[in-house]
Amino acid sequence: MLNNKLILKIISIFLVIFISIPSFSFAIDSNFIWDGDDVTSSVNASSTEEKSNSLNLESGSAILIEQNSGKILYEHNAHEKLRPASVTKVMTILLIMEALDSGRISLDDKVPCSENANSMGGSQIWLDTRESLTVHEMLKAICVVSANDCTVAMAEFLAGSTEAFVTRDEC
């Protein structure tokens, strides 16, 4: 069986890829030029909004940064304050993995579904209040489906409530 640290690394890499790619994926536009050192857009848009979204992305904002130099290659509403969405699940997974690593919980522990978890909406696996899944099954659902219901159920399992989970120093 894989140890918890290896599982954490695998999940972290998967989530970074899973969460990052939709934000930056776009169809290659013939007006978009990459010359290896610089990225430029040859689109001559008439309005500021068109210029800032020359790639016609459907996302609320985007930023593409060259890894080694830190140079911003493309940005669209980069300073727009947006909800963190599924990025919060990365922290939840980290706290679950720390609880596993410390021995507070095990992958085989059964996690019940509360009315609160059941009512989350958005990405979910449609947990029912009459069922319980193992921590292992919950982790898979959070990572693969981005399941809000499982994320809330795990937060409640670890800390008693989502509010307590958010404000706890340690789970």
N, C-alpha and C. Protein backbone atom coordinates (compact mmCIF):
# COMPACT_ATOMS: atom_id res chain seq x y z
N MET A 1 0.84 -1.19 0.00
CA MET A 1 0.00 0.00 0.00
C MET A 1 0.88 1.24 0.00
N LEU A 2 0.48 2.26 -0.76
CA LEU A 2 1.25 3.50 -0.81
C LEU A 2 1.18 4.21 0.54
N ASN A 3 2.28 4.84 0.91
CA ASN A 3 2.22 5.59 2.16
C ASN A 3 1.54 6.93 1.94
N ASN A 4 1.10 7.56 3.01
CA ASN A 4 0.30 8.78 2.92
C ASN A 4 1.04 9.93 2.26
N LYS A 5 2.34 10.05 2.48
CA LYS A 5 3.09 11.15 1.87
C LYS A 5 3.14 11.01 0.36
N LEU A 6 3.29 9.79 -0.14
CA LEU A 6 3.29 9.55 -1.57
C LEU A 6 1.91 9.84 -2.15
N ILE A 7 0.87 9.42 -1.44
CA ILE A 7 -0.50 9.70 -1.89
C ILE A 7 -0.73 11.21 -1.95
N LEU A 8 -0.26 11.94 -0.93
CA LEU A 8 -0.40 13.39 -0.90
C LEU A 8 0.30 14.03 -2.09
N LYS A 9 1.50 13.58 -2.41
CA LYS A 9 2.23 14.13 -3.56
C LYS A 9 1.47 13.87 -4.85
N ILE A 10 0.98 12.66 -5.02
CA ILE A 10 0.25 12.31 -6.24
C ILE A 10 -1.02 13.15 -6.36
N ILE A 11 -1.77 13.27 -5.27
CA ILE A 11 -2.99 14.06 -5.29
C ILE A 11 -2.68 15.52 -5.54
N SER A 12 -1.64 16.05 -4.92
CA SER A 12 -1.27 17.46 -5.12
C SER A 12 -0.91 17.74 -6.56
N ILE A 13 -0.12 16.88 -7.17
CA ILE A 13 0.25 17.07 -8.57
C ILE A 13 -0.98 16.99 -9.45
N PHE A 14 -1.83 16.00 -9.21
CA PHE A 14 -3.04 15.86 -9.99
C PHE A 14 -3.91 17.11 -9.88
N LEU A 15 -4.10 17.61 -8.66
CA LEU A 15 -4.95 18.78 -8.47
C LEU A 15 -4.39 20.03 -9.11
N VAL A 16 -3.09 20.22 -9.01
CA VAL A 16 -2.49 21.39 -9.65
C VAL A 16 -2.74 21.34 -11.14
N ILE A 17 -2.56 20.18 -11.74
CA ILE A 17 -2.81 20.03 -13.17
C ILE A 17 -4.30 20.18 -13.46
N PHE A 18 -5.14 19.51 -12.69
CA PHE A 18 -6.58 19.52 -12.91
C PHE A 18 -7.17 20.92 -12.77
N ILE A 19 -6.71 21.67 -11.78
CA ILE A 19 -7.26 23.00 -11.53
C ILE A 19 -6.66 24.03 -12.47
N SER A 20 -5.40 23.89 -12.84
CA SER A 20 -4.73 24.88 -13.67
C SER A 20 -5.11 24.81 -15.14
N ILE A 21 -5.20 23.64 -15.68
CA ILE A 21 -5.39 23.50 -17.12
C ILE A 21 -6.67 24.16 -17.62
N PRO A 22 -7.83 23.98 -16.98
CA PRO A 22 -9.02 24.64 -17.52
C PRO A 22 -8.88 26.16 -17.56
N SER A 23 -8.15 26.74 -16.64
CA SER A 23 -7.99 28.19 -16.60
C SER A 23 -7.16 28.70 -17.76
N PHE A 24 -6.22 27.90 -18.22
CA PHE A 24 -5.31 28.38 -19.24
C PHE A 24 -5.49 27.71 -20.58
N SER A 25 -6.41 26.76 -20.68
CA SER A 25 -6.55 26.08 -21.96
C SER A 25 -7.29 26.99 -22.93
N PHE A 26 -6.81 27.01 -24.14
CA PHE A 26 -7.44 27.81 -25.17
C PHE A 26 -7.05 27.26 -26.52
N ALA A 27 -7.88 27.53 -27.49
CA ALA A 27 -7.56 27.10 -28.85
C ALA A 27 -6.48 28.02 -29.39
N ILE A 28 -5.52 27.45 -30.10
CA ILE A 28 -4.46 28.26 -30.69
C ILE A 28 -5.06 29.13 -31.76
N ASP A 29 -4.84 30.38 -31.66
CA ASP A 29 -5.36 31.37 -32.57
C ASP A 29 -4.25 31.79 -33.52
N SER A 30 -4.57 31.94 -34.78
CA SER A 30 -3.53 32.32 -35.75
C SER A 30 -3.02 33.73 -35.47
N ASN A 31 -3.75 34.51 -34.70
CA ASN A 31 -3.30 35.86 -34.36
C ASN A 31 -2.39 35.86 -33.14
N PHE A 32 -2.20 34.71 -32.54
CA PHE A 32 -1.39 34.59 -31.34
C PHE A 32 -0.01 34.08 -31.74
N ILE A 33 1.03 34.78 -31.39
CA ILE A 33 2.38 34.44 -31.84
C ILE A 33 3.28 34.18 -30.65
N TRP A 34 3.97 33.07 -30.67
CA TRP A 34 4.96 32.73 -29.65
C TRP A 34 6.29 32.64 -30.37
N ASP A 35 7.24 33.52 -29.99
CA ASP A 35 8.54 33.46 -30.67
C ASP A 35 9.63 32.88 -29.78
N GLY A 36 9.23 32.22 -28.68
CA GLY A 36 10.20 31.59 -27.79
C GLY A 36 10.62 32.49 -26.64
N ASP A 37 10.79 33.78 -26.89
CA ASP A 37 11.20 34.71 -25.84
C ASP A 37 10.07 35.65 -25.45
N ASP A 38 9.14 35.83 -26.32
CA ASP A 38 8.11 36.82 -26.08
C ASP A 38 6.79 36.28 -26.63
N VAL A 39 5.72 36.67 -26.03
CA VAL A 39 4.41 36.33 -26.54
C VAL A 39 3.74 37.64 -26.88
N THR A 40 3.23 37.71 -28.07
CA THR A 40 2.53 38.92 -28.47
C THR A 40 1.23 38.54 -29.13
N SER A 41 0.32 39.43 -29.09
CA SER A 41 -0.95 39.22 -29.78
C SER A 41 -1.05 40.26 -30.87
N SER A 42 -1.30 39.80 -32.06
CA SER A 42 -1.38 40.73 -33.18
C SER A 42 -2.80 41.18 -33.44
N VAL A 43 -3.69 40.86 -32.51
CA VAL A 43 -5.07 41.28 -32.69
C VAL A 43 -5.15 42.78 -32.42
N ASN A 44 -5.72 43.51 -33.35
CA ASN A 44 -5.92 44.94 -33.17
C ASN A 44 -7.38 45.18 -32.83
N ALA A 45 -7.69 45.05 -31.57
CA ALA A 45 -9.07 45.19 -31.12
C ALA A 45 -9.40 46.67 -30.94
N SER A 46 -10.67 46.96 -31.11
CA SER A 46 -11.09 48.35 -31.03
C SER A 46 -11.38 48.79 -29.61
N SER A 47 -11.82 47.88 -28.74
CA SER A 47 -12.14 48.28 -27.38
C SER A 47 -11.13 47.70 -26.40
N THR A 48 -11.07 48.30 -25.23
CA THR A 48 -10.16 47.83 -24.19
C THR A 48 -10.49 46.40 -23.79
N GLU A 49 -11.78 46.09 -23.69
CA GLU A 49 -12.18 44.74 -23.29
C GLU A 49 -11.68 43.72 -24.31
N GLU A 50 -11.81 44.02 -25.59
CA GLU A 50 -11.36 43.10 -26.62
C GLU A 50 -9.84 42.92 -26.56
N LYS A 51 -9.11 44.02 -26.28
CA LYS A 51 -7.66 43.92 -26.20
C LYS A 51 -7.24 43.06 -25.02
N SER A 52 -7.94 43.21 -23.90
CA SER A 52 -7.53 42.46 -22.72
C SER A 52 -7.86 40.98 -22.82
N ASN A 53 -8.75 40.61 -23.71
CA ASN A 53 -9.12 39.21 -23.88
C ASN A 53 -8.93 38.81 -25.34
N SER A 54 -7.74 39.07 -25.84
CA SER A 54 -7.46 38.82 -27.26
C SER A 54 -7.53 37.35 -27.63
N LEU A 55 -7.50 36.46 -26.65
CA LEU A 55 -7.60 35.04 -26.94
C LEU A 55 -9.05 34.54 -26.86
N ASN A 56 -9.96 35.47 -26.56
CA ASN A 56 -11.39 35.14 -26.46
C ASN A 56 -11.65 34.01 -25.45
N LEU A 57 -10.98 34.08 -24.31
CA LEU A 57 -11.19 33.09 -23.26
C LEU A 57 -12.57 33.26 -22.66
N GLU A 58 -13.17 32.19 -22.24
CA GLU A 58 -14.47 32.25 -21.58
C GLU A 58 -14.35 32.42 -20.07
N SER A 59 -13.14 32.36 -19.54
CA SER A 59 -12.93 32.48 -18.10
C SER A 59 -13.05 33.93 -17.66
N GLY A 60 -13.34 34.11 -16.37
CA GLY A 60 -13.45 35.46 -15.82
C GLY A 60 -12.10 36.17 -15.79
N SER A 61 -11.04 35.41 -15.62
CA SER A 61 -9.70 35.97 -15.63
C SER A 61 -8.70 34.87 -15.95
N ALA A 62 -7.51 35.29 -16.34
CA ALA A 62 -6.45 34.33 -16.65
C ALA A 62 -5.11 35.05 -16.58
N ILE A 63 -4.08 34.29 -16.27
CA ILE A 63 -2.72 34.83 -16.31
C ILE A 63 -1.78 33.68 -16.67
N LEU A 64 -0.85 33.96 -17.54
CA LEU A 64 0.14 32.97 -17.96
C LEU A 64 1.50 33.58 -17.69
N ILE A 65 2.28 32.93 -16.82
CA ILE A 65 3.56 33.46 -16.38
C ILE A 65 4.66 32.49 -16.77
N GLU A 66 5.73 33.00 -17.36
CA GLU A 66 6.87 32.16 -17.72
C GLU A 66 7.55 31.73 -16.43
N GLN A 67 7.77 30.43 -16.29
CA GLN A 67 8.22 29.85 -15.03
C GLN A 67 9.58 30.38 -14.56
N ASN A 68 10.56 30.45 -15.44
CA ASN A 68 11.91 30.80 -15.02
C ASN A 68 12.10 32.30 -14.77
N SER A 69 11.52 33.14 -15.62
CA SER A 69 11.76 34.57 -15.48
C SER A 69 10.68 35.28 -14.68
N GLY A 70 9.49 34.69 -14.59
CA GLY A 70 8.38 35.34 -13.91
C GLY A 70 7.68 36.37 -14.80
N LYS A 71 8.08 36.44 -16.06
CA LYS A 71 7.50 37.40 -17.00
C LYS A 71 6.06 37.02 -17.31
N ILE A 72 5.18 38.00 -17.26
CA ILE A 72 3.77 37.77 -17.59
C ILE A 72 3.65 37.71 -19.11
N LEU A 73 3.22 36.56 -19.59
CA LEU A 73 3.10 36.35 -21.03
C LEU A 73 1.72 36.74 -21.54
N TYR A 74 0.72 36.54 -20.72
CA TYR A 74 -0.64 36.89 -21.10
C TYR A 74 -1.44 37.13 -19.84
N GLU A 75 -2.31 38.10 -19.88
CA GLU A 75 -3.22 38.29 -18.75
C GLU A 75 -4.54 38.85 -19.25
N HIS A 76 -5.57 38.46 -18.55
CA HIS A 76 -6.93 38.93 -18.82
C HIS A 76 -7.61 39.06 -17.46
N ASN A 77 -7.94 40.28 -17.06
CA ASN A 77 -8.55 40.55 -15.75
C ASN A 77 -7.76 39.89 -14.62
N ALA A 78 -6.45 39.96 -14.71
CA ALA A 78 -5.58 39.27 -13.75
C ALA A 78 -5.76 39.76 -12.31
N HIS A 79 -6.22 40.96 -12.12
CA HIS A 79 -6.36 41.50 -10.77
C HIS A 79 -7.81 41.46 -10.27
N GLU A 80 -8.66 40.83 -11.05
CA GLU A 80 -10.06 40.69 -10.68
C GLU A 80 -10.18 39.77 -9.46
N LYS A 81 -10.90 40.21 -8.44
CA LYS A 81 -11.12 39.36 -7.27
C LYS A 81 -12.23 38.38 -7.60
N LEU A 82 -11.90 37.10 -7.52
CA LEU A 82 -12.85 36.04 -7.83
C LEU A 82 -12.93 35.05 -6.68
N ARG A 83 -13.97 34.28 -6.64
CA ARG A 83 -14.10 33.24 -5.62
C ARG A 83 -13.05 32.16 -5.87
N PRO A 84 -12.51 31.57 -4.81
CA PRO A 84 -11.43 30.59 -4.99
C PRO A 84 -11.88 29.26 -5.57
N ALA A 85 -13.17 29.00 -5.61
CA ALA A 85 -13.72 27.77 -6.19
C ALA A 85 -13.01 26.53 -5.67
N SER A 86 -12.62 25.64 -6.54
CA SER A 86 -12.07 24.35 -6.14
C SER A 86 -10.66 24.42 -5.56
N VAL A 87 -10.04 25.58 -5.58
CA VAL A 87 -8.72 25.70 -4.97
C VAL A 87 -8.81 25.41 -3.48
N THR A 88 -9.94 25.70 -2.87
CA THR A 88 -10.10 25.41 -1.45
C THR A 88 -10.07 23.91 -1.18
N LYS A 89 -10.41 23.11 -2.18
CA LYS A 89 -10.37 21.65 -2.02
C LYS A 89 -8.94 21.16 -1.85
N VAL A 90 -7.97 21.85 -2.42
CA VAL A 90 -6.57 21.47 -2.26
C VAL A 90 -6.19 21.53 -0.78
N MET A 91 -6.60 22.60 -0.11
CA MET A 91 -6.30 22.73 1.32
C MET A 91 -7.05 21.67 2.12
N THR A 92 -8.27 21.38 1.73
CA THR A 92 -9.04 20.34 2.42
C THR A 92 -8.33 18.99 2.28
N ILE A 93 -7.86 18.69 1.09
CA ILE A 93 -7.14 17.43 0.87
C ILE A 93 -5.87 17.39 1.70
N LEU A 94 -5.16 18.49 1.76
CA LEU A 94 -3.95 18.54 2.59
C LEU A 94 -4.28 18.23 4.05
N LEU A 95 -5.34 18.83 4.57
CA LEU A 95 -5.72 18.58 5.97
C LEU A 95 -6.18 17.14 6.19
N ILE A 96 -6.85 16.57 5.19
CA ILE A 96 -7.23 15.15 5.28
C ILE A 96 -5.97 14.29 5.32
N MET A 97 -5.01 14.60 4.45
CA MET A 97 -3.78 13.81 4.40
C MET A 97 -2.97 13.95 5.68
N GLU A 98 -2.96 15.13 6.26
CA GLU A 98 -2.27 15.32 7.54
C GLU A 98 -2.94 14.51 8.65
N ALA A 99 -4.28 14.47 8.64
CA ALA A 99 -5.01 13.67 9.63
C ALA A 99 -4.71 12.18 9.44
N LEU A 100 -4.59 11.76 8.19
CA LEU A 100 -4.21 10.36 7.90
C LEU A 100 -2.79 10.09 8.39
N ASP A 101 -1.89 11.01 8.08
CA ASP A 101 -0.47 10.85 8.44
C ASP A 101 -0.28 10.80 9.96
N SER A 102 -1.06 11.59 10.68
CA SER A 102 -0.93 11.62 12.14
C SER A 102 -1.64 10.44 12.81
N GLY A 103 -2.42 9.69 12.05
CA GLY A 103 -3.13 8.55 12.61
C GLY A 103 -4.48 8.88 13.21
N ARG A 104 -4.91 10.14 13.11
CA ARG A 104 -6.21 10.52 13.66
C ARG A 104 -7.37 9.84 12.94
N ILE A 105 -7.18 9.60 11.65
CA ILE A 105 -8.18 8.89 10.85
C ILE A 105 -7.45 7.86 9.99
N SER A 106 -8.22 6.94 9.42
CA SER A 106 -7.64 5.97 8.49
C SER A 106 -8.44 5.99 7.19
N LEU A 107 -7.87 5.44 6.15
CA LEU A 107 -8.54 5.40 4.85
C LEU A 107 -9.83 4.57 4.90
N ASP A 108 -9.94 3.68 5.88
CA ASP A 108 -11.10 2.80 5.98
C ASP A 108 -12.21 3.36 6.87
N ASP A 109 -11.96 4.49 7.55
CA ASP A 109 -13.00 5.10 8.39
C ASP A 109 -14.21 5.46 7.54
N LYS A 110 -15.40 5.22 8.08
CA LYS A 110 -16.64 5.57 7.40
C LYS A 110 -17.03 7.01 7.72
N VAL A 111 -17.36 7.77 6.68
CA VAL A 111 -17.73 9.18 6.82
C VAL A 111 -19.20 9.32 6.45
N PRO A 112 -20.03 9.80 7.40
CA PRO A 112 -21.45 9.97 7.10
C PRO A 112 -21.71 11.23 6.27
N CYS A 113 -22.87 11.27 5.65
CA CYS A 113 -23.28 12.44 4.88
C CYS A 113 -24.38 13.18 5.65
N SER A 114 -24.14 14.44 5.96
CA SER A 114 -25.12 15.25 6.68
C SER A 114 -26.07 15.92 5.68
N GLU A 115 -27.13 16.51 6.21
CA GLU A 115 -28.05 17.30 5.36
C GLU A 115 -27.28 18.45 4.71
N ASN A 116 -26.37 19.06 5.49
CA ASN A 116 -25.57 20.17 4.97
C ASN A 116 -24.72 19.72 3.77
N ALA A 117 -24.04 18.60 3.91
CA ALA A 117 -23.21 18.08 2.81
C ALA A 117 -24.07 17.72 1.61
N ASN A 118 -25.23 17.13 1.88
CA ASN A 118 -26.15 16.73 0.83
C ASN A 118 -26.68 17.92 0.02
N SER A 119 -26.75 19.08 0.65
CA SER A 119 -27.36 20.25 0.00
C SER A 119 -26.37 21.17 -0.71
N MET A 120 -25.14 20.75 -0.90
CA MET A 120 -24.10 21.63 -1.42
C MET A 120 -24.34 22.12 -2.85
N GLY A 121 -24.76 21.28 -3.72
CA GLY A 121 -24.91 21.69 -5.12
C GLY A 121 -23.56 21.78 -5.82
N GLY A 122 -23.57 22.25 -7.03
CA GLY A 122 -22.34 22.34 -7.81
C GLY A 122 -21.82 20.96 -8.15
N SER A 123 -20.50 20.84 -8.26
CA SER A 123 -19.89 19.53 -8.54
C SER A 123 -20.10 18.63 -7.34
N GLN A 124 -20.67 17.46 -7.57
CA GLN A 124 -20.95 16.56 -6.47
C GLN A 124 -21.16 15.14 -6.98
N ILE A 125 -21.22 14.20 -6.05
CA ILE A 125 -21.53 12.82 -6.42
C ILE A 125 -22.91 12.42 -5.91
N TRP A 126 -23.68 13.38 -5.44
CA TRP A 126 -25.05 13.17 -4.98
C TRP A 126 -25.09 12.21 -3.80
N LEU A 127 -24.28 12.51 -2.79
CA LEU A 127 -24.32 11.74 -1.55
C LEU A 127 -25.72 11.81 -0.94
N ASP A 128 -26.12 10.74 -0.35
CA ASP A 128 -27.41 10.67 0.32
C ASP A 128 -27.16 10.64 1.83
N THR A 129 -28.05 11.22 2.59
CA THR A 129 -27.87 11.28 4.04
C THR A 129 -27.93 9.90 4.70
N ARG A 130 -28.39 8.90 3.98
CA ARG A 130 -28.46 7.55 4.53
C ARG A 130 -27.21 6.74 4.26
N GLU A 131 -26.24 7.31 3.53
CA GLU A 131 -25.05 6.53 3.20
C GLU A 131 -23.79 7.12 3.83
N SER A 132 -22.80 6.26 3.95
CA SER A 132 -21.48 6.64 4.43
C SER A 132 -20.45 6.06 3.46
N LEU A 133 -19.42 6.83 3.19
CA LEU A 133 -18.32 6.37 2.35
C LEU A 133 -17.05 6.34 3.18
N THR A 134 -16.08 5.57 2.75
CA THR A 134 -14.79 5.57 3.45
C THR A 134 -14.03 6.84 3.11
N VAL A 135 -13.06 7.16 3.94
CA VAL A 135 -12.18 8.31 3.68
C VAL A 135 -11.54 8.15 2.30
N HIS A 136 -11.12 6.93 1.98
CA HIS A 136 -10.50 6.65 0.69
C HIS A 136 -11.45 6.99 -0.46
N GLU A 137 -12.71 6.58 -0.35
CA GLU A 137 -13.71 6.89 -1.39
C GLU A 137 -13.99 8.39 -1.47
N MET A 138 -14.03 9.03 -0.31
CA MET A 138 -14.25 10.48 -0.28
C MET A 138 -13.11 11.21 -0.98
N LEU A 139 -11.87 10.82 -0.69
CA LEU A 139 -10.71 11.45 -1.34
C LEU A 139 -10.77 11.31 -2.85
N LYS A 140 -11.12 10.12 -3.32
CA LYS A 140 -11.24 9.91 -4.77
C LYS A 140 -12.31 10.82 -5.36
N ALA A 141 -13.44 10.94 -4.70
CA ALA A 141 -14.53 11.78 -5.22
C ALA A 141 -14.13 13.26 -5.22
N ILE A 142 -13.42 13.68 -4.18
CA ILE A 142 -12.97 15.09 -4.11
C ILE A 142 -11.97 15.37 -5.22
N CYS A 143 -11.04 14.45 -5.45
CA CYS A 143 -9.99 14.66 -6.45
C CYS A 143 -10.47 14.50 -7.89
N VAL A 144 -11.29 13.51 -8.13
CA VAL A 144 -11.70 13.21 -9.51
C VAL A 144 -12.91 14.04 -9.94
N VAL A 145 -13.91 14.13 -9.07
CA VAL A 145 -15.15 14.79 -9.43
C VAL A 145 -15.24 16.21 -8.88
N SER A 146 -14.30 16.58 -8.01
CA SER A 146 -14.33 17.87 -7.33
C SER A 146 -15.62 17.98 -6.51
N ALA A 147 -15.95 16.90 -5.83
CA ALA A 147 -17.23 16.75 -5.15
C ALA A 147 -17.37 17.65 -3.92
N ASN A 148 -18.23 18.65 -4.04
CA ASN A 148 -18.50 19.56 -2.93
C ASN A 148 -19.12 18.82 -1.75
N ASP A 149 -20.03 17.89 -2.04
CA ASP A 149 -20.70 17.17 -0.95
C ASP A 149 -19.71 16.35 -0.13
N CYS A 150 -18.75 15.73 -0.80
CA CYS A 150 -17.74 14.94 -0.08
C CYS A 150 -16.77 15.84 0.69
N THR A 151 -16.45 16.99 0.11
CA THR A 151 -15.57 17.94 0.78
C THR A 151 -16.19 18.41 2.09
N VAL A 152 -17.46 18.75 2.05
CA VAL A 152 -18.16 19.19 3.26
C VAL A 152 -18.29 18.05 4.25
N ALA A 153 -18.61 16.85 3.78
CA ALA A 153 -18.72 15.70 4.69
C ALA A 153 -17.40 15.43 5.39
N MET A 154 -16.29 15.54 4.66
CA MET A 154 -14.97 15.32 5.27
C MET A 154 -14.65 16.43 6.27
N ALA A 155 -14.97 17.67 5.95
CA ALA A 155 -14.73 18.77 6.89
C ALA A 155 -15.50 18.55 8.17
N GLU A 156 -16.75 18.13 8.05
CA GLU A 156 -17.57 17.86 9.23
C GLU A 156 -17.03 16.66 10.01
N PHE A 157 -16.55 15.66 9.30
CA PHE A 157 -16.00 14.47 9.94
C PHE A 157 -14.75 14.81 10.74
N LEU A 158 -13.91 15.69 10.20
CA LEU A 158 -12.66 16.04 10.87
C LEU A 158 -12.83 17.03 12.01
N ALA A 159 -13.79 17.95 11.86
CA ALA A 159 -13.88 19.03 12.86
C ALA A 159 -15.26 19.23 13.47
N GLY A 160 -16.25 18.50 13.03
CA GLY A 160 -17.59 18.65 13.60
C GLY A 160 -18.51 19.51 12.77
N SER A 161 -17.96 20.54 12.13
CA SER A 161 -18.75 21.42 11.25
C SER A 161 -17.79 22.10 10.28
N THR A 162 -18.37 22.66 9.23
CA THR A 162 -17.51 23.37 8.26
C THR A 162 -16.90 24.61 8.91
N GLU A 163 -17.66 25.28 9.77
CA GLU A 163 -17.15 26.47 10.44
C GLU A 163 -15.96 26.12 11.32
N ALA A 164 -16.09 25.04 12.08
CA ALA A 164 -14.99 24.60 12.95
C ALA A 164 -13.80 24.15 12.12
N PHE A 165 -14.05 23.52 10.98
CA PHE A 165 -12.98 23.07 10.10
C PHE A 165 -12.16 24.25 9.58
N VAL A 166 -12.84 25.30 9.18
CA VAL A 166 -12.18 26.49 8.62
C VAL A 166 -11.36 27.21 9.68
N THR A 167 -11.87 27.28 10.90
CA THR A 167 -11.20 28.06 11.94
C THR A 167 -10.19 27.27 12.76
N ARG A 168 -10.14 25.95 12.61
CA ARG A 168 -9.21 25.13 13.39
C ARG A 168 -7.77 25.36 12.97
N ASP A 169 -6.88 25.41 13.94
CA ASP A 169 -5.46 25.51 13.65
C ASP A 169 -4.92 24.17 13.17
N GLU A 170 -5.41 23.10 13.76
CA GLU A 170 -4.97 21.75 13.41
C GLU A 170 -6.17 20.83 13.37
N CYS A 171 -6.17 19.95 12.41
CA CYS A 171 -7.26 18.95 12.35
C CYS A 171 -6.76 17.65 12.89
